[in-house]
Amino acid sequence: MEHFVNYGYGWTCRHCQVKETPRAPETGARGRFFSEGEAEEREPKLSTAARARWRDDTRRILICPQCGVEERLHN
């Protein structure tokens, strides 16, 4: 694939992944477990914003919510 890569935990946009810089842990901050998934926050933040999503139910086209690049899976 040209625009996306899968490291085993989901498809990630290659372009946006390069742009992201790892955040330094804040002192006294809660662990990532408490801010992802079923967190009590209304808008939990994932550890990477470059995580791709499926464009439709057929799961053949990936789209990056950050930059909007799309790519069709070739199975």
N, C-alpha and C. Protein backbone atom coordinates (compact mmCIF):
# COMPACT_ATOMS: atom_id res chain seq x y z
N MET A 1 0.84 -1.18 0.00
CA MET A 1 0.00 0.00 0.00
C MET A 1 0.89 1.24 0.00
N GLU A 2 0.42 2.25 -0.68
CA GLU A 2 1.21 3.46 -0.86
C GLU A 2 1.04 4.46 0.29
N HIS A 3 -0.20 4.63 0.78
CA HIS A 3 -0.48 5.68 1.76
C HIS A 3 -0.67 5.17 3.19
N PHE A 4 -0.90 3.88 3.37
CA PHE A 4 -1.19 3.35 4.70
C PHE A 4 -0.30 2.17 5.02
N VAL A 5 -0.07 1.97 6.31
CA VAL A 5 0.73 0.85 6.79
C VAL A 5 0.01 0.26 8.01
N ASN A 6 0.11 -1.07 8.17
CA ASN A 6 -0.53 -1.74 9.31
C ASN A 6 0.55 -2.42 10.13
N TYR A 7 0.73 -1.93 11.36
CA TYR A 7 1.73 -2.51 12.26
C TYR A 7 1.13 -3.57 13.18
N GLY A 8 -0.10 -3.98 12.92
CA GLY A 8 -0.74 -5.00 13.73
C GLY A 8 -1.79 -4.46 14.68
N TYR A 9 -1.92 -3.15 14.78
CA TYR A 9 -2.92 -2.56 15.67
C TYR A 9 -3.84 -1.61 14.92
N GLY A 10 -3.85 -1.68 13.61
CA GLY A 10 -4.72 -0.83 12.80
C GLY A 10 -3.94 -0.12 11.71
N TRP A 11 -4.66 0.34 10.71
CA TRP A 11 -4.04 1.05 9.59
C TRP A 11 -3.68 2.48 10.01
N THR A 12 -2.50 2.91 9.62
CA THR A 12 -2.00 4.23 9.96
C THR A 12 -1.56 4.94 8.68
N CYS A 13 -1.87 6.22 8.58
CA CYS A 13 -1.48 7.03 7.43
C CYS A 13 0.03 7.30 7.52
N ARG A 14 0.75 6.94 6.46
CA ARG A 14 2.20 7.15 6.45
C ARG A 14 2.56 8.63 6.51
N HIS A 15 1.80 9.47 5.81
CA HIS A 15 2.11 10.89 5.72
C HIS A 15 1.91 11.59 7.07
N CYS A 16 0.79 11.33 7.72
CA CYS A 16 0.49 11.99 9.00
C CYS A 16 1.31 11.42 10.14
N GLN A 17 1.69 10.16 10.04
CA GLN A 17 2.50 9.54 11.08
C GLN A 17 3.86 10.22 11.16
N VAL A 18 4.42 10.60 10.03
CA VAL A 18 5.71 11.28 9.98
C VAL A 18 5.60 12.66 10.61
N LYS A 19 4.46 13.34 10.40
CA LYS A 19 4.26 14.69 10.92
C LYS A 19 4.09 14.73 12.42
N GLU A 20 3.56 13.63 13.00
CA GLU A 20 3.32 13.60 14.44
C GLU A 20 4.62 13.54 15.21
N THR A 21 4.69 14.27 16.27
CA THR A 21 5.84 14.19 17.16
C THR A 21 5.36 13.61 18.48
N PRO A 22 6.11 12.68 19.03
CA PRO A 22 5.68 12.08 20.29
C PRO A 22 5.59 13.13 21.39
N ARG A 23 4.50 13.07 22.13
CA ARG A 23 4.31 14.01 23.23
C ARG A 23 5.04 13.52 24.47
N ALA A 24 5.64 14.44 25.17
CA ALA A 24 6.30 14.11 26.43
C ALA A 24 5.22 13.91 27.49
N PRO A 25 5.38 12.90 28.33
CA PRO A 25 4.38 12.68 29.37
C PRO A 25 4.32 13.85 30.35
N GLU A 26 3.12 14.25 30.65
CA GLU A 26 2.93 15.34 31.61
C GLU A 26 3.11 14.81 33.02
N THR A 27 3.64 15.62 33.89
CA THR A 27 3.83 15.19 35.26
C THR A 27 2.49 15.06 35.96
N GLY A 28 2.28 13.95 36.59
CA GLY A 28 1.03 13.73 37.30
C GLY A 28 -0.14 13.42 36.38
N ALA A 29 0.13 13.19 35.10
CA ALA A 29 -0.95 12.90 34.15
C ALA A 29 -1.39 11.45 34.30
N ARG A 30 -2.65 11.23 33.94
CA ARG A 30 -3.17 9.87 33.98
C ARG A 30 -2.58 9.05 32.84
N GLY A 31 -2.57 7.74 32.99
CA GLY A 31 -2.06 6.85 31.95
C GLY A 31 -2.95 6.88 30.72
N ARG A 32 -2.40 6.42 29.60
CA ARG A 32 -3.13 6.42 28.34
C ARG A 32 -4.41 5.60 28.44
N PHE A 33 -4.41 4.56 29.26
CA PHE A 33 -5.58 3.70 29.46
C PHE A 33 -6.80 4.51 29.87
N PHE A 34 -6.59 5.55 30.67
CA PHE A 34 -7.70 6.34 31.18
C PHE A 34 -8.18 7.41 30.21
N SER A 35 -7.45 7.64 29.14
CA SER A 35 -7.88 8.68 28.20
C SER A 35 -8.25 8.14 26.83
N GLU A 36 -8.20 6.83 26.64
CA GLU A 36 -8.56 6.22 25.36
C GLU A 36 -9.70 5.24 25.55
N GLY A 37 -10.34 4.89 24.46
CA GLY A 37 -11.36 3.86 24.48
C GLY A 37 -12.61 4.33 25.19
N GLU A 38 -13.03 3.60 26.21
CA GLU A 38 -14.26 3.91 26.92
C GLU A 38 -14.01 4.87 28.07
N ALA A 39 -13.29 5.89 27.81
CA ALA A 39 -12.98 6.89 28.83
C ALA A 39 -14.24 7.71 29.14
N GLU A 40 -14.22 8.38 30.26
CA GLU A 40 -15.37 9.18 30.65
C GLU A 40 -15.42 10.52 29.93
N GLU A 41 -14.34 10.87 29.22
CA GLU A 41 -14.35 12.11 28.47
C GLU A 41 -15.33 11.99 27.30
N ARG A 42 -15.89 13.11 26.92
CA ARG A 42 -16.81 13.10 25.78
C ARG A 42 -16.06 12.90 24.47
N GLU A 43 -14.88 13.46 24.34
CA GLU A 43 -14.07 13.34 23.14
C GLU A 43 -12.68 12.81 23.51
N PRO A 44 -12.55 11.50 23.76
CA PRO A 44 -11.24 10.98 24.13
C PRO A 44 -10.26 11.12 22.97
N LYS A 45 -8.99 11.37 23.27
CA LYS A 45 -7.96 11.54 22.27
C LYS A 45 -7.16 10.26 22.15
N LEU A 46 -7.01 9.75 20.94
CA LEU A 46 -6.22 8.56 20.71
C LEU A 46 -4.74 8.92 20.71
N SER A 47 -3.91 7.93 20.92
CA SER A 47 -2.48 8.19 20.98
C SER A 47 -1.92 8.61 19.62
N THR A 48 -2.61 8.27 18.54
CA THR A 48 -2.21 8.71 17.21
C THR A 48 -3.42 9.21 16.43
N ALA A 49 -3.29 10.40 15.88
CA ALA A 49 -4.38 10.96 15.08
C ALA A 49 -4.31 10.46 13.65
N ALA A 50 -3.27 9.72 13.30
CA ALA A 50 -3.07 9.24 11.94
C ALA A 50 -3.76 7.90 11.70
N ARG A 51 -4.55 7.43 12.65
CA ARG A 51 -5.23 6.14 12.49
C ARG A 51 -6.31 6.25 11.43
N ALA A 52 -6.24 5.37 10.43
CA ALA A 52 -7.18 5.39 9.31
C ALA A 52 -8.53 4.79 9.70
N ARG A 53 -9.54 5.16 8.94
CA ARG A 53 -10.89 4.63 9.14
C ARG A 53 -11.40 4.08 7.83
N TRP A 54 -12.39 3.19 7.92
CA TRP A 54 -13.01 2.67 6.71
C TRP A 54 -13.99 3.71 6.18
N ARG A 55 -13.98 3.88 4.87
CA ARG A 55 -14.87 4.87 4.25
C ARG A 55 -16.31 4.38 4.18
N ASP A 56 -16.50 3.05 4.02
CA ASP A 56 -17.85 2.50 3.95
C ASP A 56 -17.89 1.11 4.57
N ASP A 57 -19.06 0.49 4.53
CA ASP A 57 -19.25 -0.83 5.18
C ASP A 57 -18.56 -1.97 4.44
N THR A 58 -18.19 -1.78 3.18
CA THR A 58 -17.53 -2.86 2.44
C THR A 58 -16.09 -3.06 2.90
N ARG A 59 -15.53 -2.09 3.62
CA ARG A 59 -14.16 -2.16 4.15
C ARG A 59 -13.14 -2.42 3.04
N ARG A 60 -13.27 -1.66 1.97
CA ARG A 60 -12.32 -1.77 0.87
C ARG A 60 -11.55 -0.48 0.65
N ILE A 61 -12.04 0.64 1.22
CA ILE A 61 -11.38 1.92 1.04
C ILE A 61 -11.07 2.52 2.41
N LEU A 62 -9.78 2.83 2.61
CA LEU A 62 -9.33 3.47 3.85
C LEU A 62 -9.24 4.97 3.63
N ILE A 63 -9.53 5.73 4.68
CA ILE A 63 -9.41 7.19 4.62
C ILE A 63 -8.75 7.68 5.90
N CYS A 64 -7.87 8.65 5.75
CA CYS A 64 -7.22 9.26 6.90
C CYS A 64 -8.07 10.45 7.34
N PRO A 65 -8.57 10.47 8.57
CA PRO A 65 -9.40 11.59 9.02
C PRO A 65 -8.63 12.89 9.17
N GLN A 66 -7.32 12.82 9.22
CA GLN A 66 -6.51 14.02 9.43
C GLN A 66 -6.21 14.74 8.10
N CYS A 67 -5.72 14.01 7.09
CA CYS A 67 -5.35 14.65 5.84
C CYS A 67 -6.30 14.33 4.69
N GLY A 68 -7.18 13.34 4.84
CA GLY A 68 -8.19 13.04 3.84
C GLY A 68 -7.75 12.13 2.71
N VAL A 69 -6.52 11.61 2.75
CA VAL A 69 -6.05 10.72 1.69
C VAL A 69 -6.83 9.41 1.75
N GLU A 70 -7.16 8.87 0.57
CA GLU A 70 -7.91 7.62 0.46
C GLU A 70 -7.12 6.61 -0.35
N GLU A 71 -7.34 5.31 -0.05
CA GLU A 71 -6.71 4.26 -0.81
C GLU A 71 -7.55 3.00 -0.74
N ARG A 72 -7.67 2.34 -1.89
CA ARG A 72 -8.45 1.10 -1.98
C ARG A 72 -7.54 -0.09 -1.66
N LEU A 73 -8.06 -1.01 -0.85
CA LEU A 73 -7.33 -2.23 -0.54
C LEU A 73 -7.43 -3.19 -1.73
N HIS A 74 -6.34 -3.82 -2.07
CA HIS A 74 -6.31 -4.79 -3.17
C HIS A 74 -6.10 -6.16 -2.57
N ASN A 75 -7.18 -6.92 -2.44
CA ASN A 75 -7.07 -8.27 -1.84
C ASN A 75 -6.93 -9.30 -2.90
